[in-house]
Amino acid sequence: HLLTPTWSPDGQWIAFASDTIELVRPDGSELRWLGKGWLPAWSPDGTRLACVHEEGVDVVTLDGARTRIVDEPCLGLSWSPDGRRLALALAHEQDEPQLGVVLVDAEGGDRRVLCPGMFPRWSPRGDRILVAREWFQLWSVPVEGGEELLLAEEARLGRWSPDGSRIAFARGEEVVVIDADGGGERVVRDVPE
């Protein structure tokens, strides 16, 4: 079965996963196999894909060259707007298994633990990352230090607006939009029971 089709930033390719990462032109031509993986995520310039697989996270070029970024289980990733780093939700053991967001150089190498959480989403300006934490809390965490903001409770998978001024997320059967500072909450779609 096919999962997670995603357009390249220039609209020239569609990447998808079927236990392997594949590329195809929107007209169905030039099918390319890029190797194992799922959850393909395009770099902002469209020249690379990050993908998760059972052995960790790789960055793959469009010709299939792979660079292993981490050798750990990953639950969610997001490219920085400049394409130099990835935010990865990695499982790690302490007293008990936890998920934490780690910032990693896209070429491999440098890494820094940012905060607890999963499903990271880098802001368009590159200064903050949305993370989900236990009990469905949505947090905004500064990349270079500063105050973490609890934005919403019972929130699922927040996404930044293109200009970074607002965030949309699901809460139950509602679609909610808030300002980037957590204020101005508006229910924009409510599915009646």
Protein backbone atom coordinates (compact mmCIF):
# COMPACT_ATOMS: atom_id res chain seq x y z
CA HIS A 1 0.00 0.00 0.00
CA LEU A 2 1.17 3.54 -0.77
CA LEU A 3 1.58 6.12 1.96
CA THR A 4 2.35 9.81 2.36
CA PRO A 5 2.51 11.20 -1.17
CA THR A 6 4.18 14.61 -0.93
CA TRP A 7 4.95 17.23 -3.60
CA SER A 8 8.41 18.63 -4.13
CA PRO A 9 8.59 22.39 -3.38
CA ASP A 10 8.77 23.19 -7.12
CA GLY A 11 5.89 20.81 -7.97
CA GLN A 12 8.05 18.76 -10.37
CA TRP A 13 8.07 15.51 -8.35
CA ILE A 14 5.87 13.49 -6.04
CA ALA A 15 7.61 11.35 -3.41
CA PHE A 16 5.74 8.46 -1.81
CA ALA A 17 6.47 5.48 0.40
CA SER A 18 5.56 1.83 -0.05
CA ASP A 19 8.20 0.45 2.36
CA THR A 20 10.59 2.15 -0.05
CA ILE A 21 10.83 5.76 -1.12
CA GLU A 22 9.91 6.38 -4.74
CA LEU A 23 9.68 9.47 -6.93
CA VAL A 24 7.48 10.08 -9.93
CA ARG A 25 6.68 13.07 -12.13
CA PRO A 26 3.07 14.34 -11.81
CA ASP A 27 2.36 12.98 -15.32
CA GLY A 28 3.47 9.47 -14.24
CA SER A 29 6.84 9.52 -15.99
CA GLU A 30 10.37 9.02 -14.61
CA LEU A 31 9.57 6.64 -11.76
CA ARG A 32 12.65 6.42 -9.49
CA TRP A 33 13.33 4.08 -6.59
CA LEU A 34 15.37 5.72 -3.80
CA GLY A 35 15.62 2.82 -1.36
CA LYS A 36 14.08 1.85 1.95
CA GLY A 37 12.09 4.27 4.06
CA TRP A 38 8.81 5.98 4.81
CA LEU A 39 7.61 9.46 5.86
CA PRO A 40 9.47 11.26 3.06
CA ALA A 41 10.02 14.97 3.76
CA TRP A 42 11.40 17.33 1.11
CA SER A 43 14.22 19.74 1.88
CA PRO A 44 13.11 23.36 1.30
CA ASP A 45 15.17 23.58 -1.91
CA GLY A 46 13.74 20.29 -3.24
CA THR A 47 17.12 18.63 -3.79
CA ARG A 48 16.90 16.06 -0.96
CA LEU A 49 14.44 13.98 1.00
CA ALA A 50 14.70 12.94 4.64
CA CYS A 51 13.17 9.58 5.39
CA VAL A 52 12.66 7.31 8.37
CA HIS A 53 13.34 3.57 8.29
CA GLU A 54 13.86 0.77 10.80
CA GLU A 55 17.55 1.64 11.25
CA GLY A 56 17.20 5.42 11.69
CA VAL A 57 16.95 8.50 9.46
CA ASP A 58 18.64 9.10 6.10
CA VAL A 59 18.88 12.10 3.80
CA VAL A 60 18.59 11.01 0.16
CA THR A 61 19.40 12.94 -3.00
CA LEU A 62 17.19 12.64 -6.07
CA ASP A 63 19.72 10.27 -7.65
CA GLY A 64 19.53 7.95 -4.62
CA ALA A 65 22.74 8.83 -2.76
CA ARG A 66 22.09 8.35 0.98
CA THR A 67 23.62 9.87 4.12
CA ARG A 68 22.74 8.29 7.47
CA ILE A 69 21.86 11.08 9.90
CA VAL A 70 20.98 9.03 12.99
CA ASP A 71 20.89 5.34 13.92
CA GLU A 72 17.93 5.61 16.29
CA PRO A 73 14.14 5.11 16.02
CA CYS A 74 12.40 8.30 14.90
CA LEU A 75 8.79 9.46 15.27
CA GLY A 76 8.52 12.59 13.20
CA LEU A 77 10.90 14.96 11.44
CA SER A 78 10.93 18.48 10.05
CA TRP A 79 13.44 20.45 7.95
CA SER A 80 14.65 23.88 9.02
CA PRO A 81 13.56 26.56 6.54
CA ASP A 82 17.17 27.01 5.37
CA GLY A 83 17.61 23.24 4.85
CA ARG A 84 20.70 23.04 7.06
CA ARG A 85 19.15 21.12 9.98
CA LEU A 86 16.45 18.61 10.82
CA ALA A 87 14.33 18.43 13.95
CA LEU A 88 13.86 14.74 14.80
CA ALA A 89 11.70 13.09 17.46
CA LEU A 90 14.00 10.34 18.73
CA ALA A 91 13.31 7.63 21.29
CA HIS A 92 15.86 7.45 24.08
CA GLU A 93 16.15 5.53 27.33
CA GLN A 94 16.57 7.11 30.74
CA ASP A 95 14.59 5.75 33.68
CA GLU A 96 11.91 4.88 31.12
CA PRO A 97 11.61 5.27 27.34
CA GLN A 98 10.98 8.88 26.25
CA LEU A 99 10.73 10.85 23.05
CA GLY A 100 12.77 13.98 22.63
CA VAL A 101 13.27 16.49 19.85
CA VAL A 102 16.86 16.64 18.67
CA LEU A 103 18.32 19.14 16.19
CA VAL A 104 20.69 17.45 13.74
CA ASP A 105 22.90 18.81 10.97
CA ALA A 106 21.41 17.69 7.61
CA GLU A 107 24.83 16.48 6.49
CA GLY A 108 25.22 14.37 9.63
CA GLY A 109 27.35 15.17 12.64
CA ASP A 110 26.35 17.96 15.01
CA ARG A 111 23.31 17.31 17.16
CA ARG A 112 21.66 18.99 20.12
CA VAL A 113 18.76 17.91 22.33
CA LEU A 114 16.08 20.62 22.20
CA CYS A 115 13.23 19.38 24.40
CA PRO A 116 10.89 16.50 25.23
CA GLY A 117 8.22 15.87 22.61
CA MET A 118 7.33 14.37 19.25
CA PHE A 119 6.02 15.36 15.81
CA PRO A 120 8.24 18.47 15.49
CA ARG A 121 7.30 21.20 12.99
CA TRP A 122 9.79 23.98 12.30
CA SER A 123 8.32 27.50 11.99
CA PRO A 124 8.66 29.24 8.61
CA ARG A 125 10.93 31.85 10.22
CA GLY A 126 13.12 29.11 11.73
CA ASP A 127 13.04 30.49 15.26
CA ARG A 128 10.57 28.08 16.90
CA ILE A 129 9.46 24.45 16.66
CA LEU A 130 6.00 23.08 17.44
CA VAL A 131 6.07 19.85 19.44
CA ALA A 132 3.40 17.56 20.81
CA ARG A 133 3.79 16.36 24.38
CA GLU A 134 1.93 13.92 26.57
CA TRP A 135 -1.78 14.44 27.10
CA PHE A 136 -1.97 16.06 23.65
CA GLN A 137 -0.35 19.33 24.65
CA LEU A 138 0.92 21.54 21.83
CA TRP A 139 4.05 23.55 22.68
CA SER A 140 6.07 26.19 20.84
CA VAL A 141 9.76 25.86 21.69
CA PRO A 142 12.43 28.43 20.77
CA VAL A 143 15.31 26.95 18.76
CA GLU A 144 18.04 29.05 20.41
CA GLY A 145 16.77 29.15 24.00
CA GLY A 146 14.07 31.17 25.69
CA GLU A 147 10.57 30.62 26.96
CA GLU A 148 8.60 27.55 25.89
CA LEU A 149 4.90 28.32 25.33
CA LEU A 150 2.06 25.90 26.06
CA LEU A 151 -0.26 26.78 23.18
CA ALA A 152 -3.15 24.35 23.54
CA GLU A 153 -4.47 21.29 25.37
CA GLU A 154 -6.03 18.29 23.60
CA ALA A 155 -4.34 19.42 20.38
CA ARG A 156 -3.19 17.08 17.66
CA LEU A 157 -0.48 17.71 15.08
CA GLY A 158 -0.18 21.46 14.82
CA ARG A 159 0.87 23.12 11.57
CA TRP A 160 2.24 26.65 11.03
CA SER A 161 0.63 29.06 8.58
CA PRO A 162 2.97 29.94 5.67
CA ASP A 163 3.93 33.28 7.29
CA GLY A 164 4.33 31.75 10.78
CA SER A 165 1.76 34.03 12.40
CA ARG A 166 -0.85 31.33 13.10
CA ILE A 167 -1.13 27.63 13.90
CA ALA A 168 -3.88 25.18 12.93
CA PHE A 169 -4.55 21.93 14.79
CA ALA A 170 -7.27 19.36 15.40
CA ARG A 171 -9.05 19.01 18.74
CA GLY A 172 -11.53 16.15 18.71
CA GLU A 173 -13.79 16.88 15.75
CA GLU A 174 -12.80 20.54 15.58
CA VAL A 175 -10.23 22.35 13.47
CA VAL A 176 -8.82 25.20 15.54
CA VAL A 177 -6.64 28.17 14.55
CA ILE A 178 -4.64 30.17 17.09
CA ASP A 179 -2.13 33.00 16.92
CA ALA A 180 1.53 31.94 17.17
CA ASP A 181 1.60 33.14 20.80
CA GLY A 182 -1.38 30.92 21.70
CA GLY A 183 -3.99 33.70 21.78
CA GLY A 184 -6.96 34.36 19.54
CA GLU A 185 -8.31 30.81 19.49
CA ARG A 186 -10.96 30.27 16.81
CA VAL A 187 -12.83 27.09 15.92
CA VAL A 188 -12.95 27.15 12.12
CA ARG A 189 -14.64 23.78 11.61
CA ASP A 190 -16.76 21.78 14.00
CA VAL A 191 -18.24 18.44 12.95
CA PRO A 192 -21.52 17.91 14.82
CA GLU A 193 -21.98 14.59 16.61
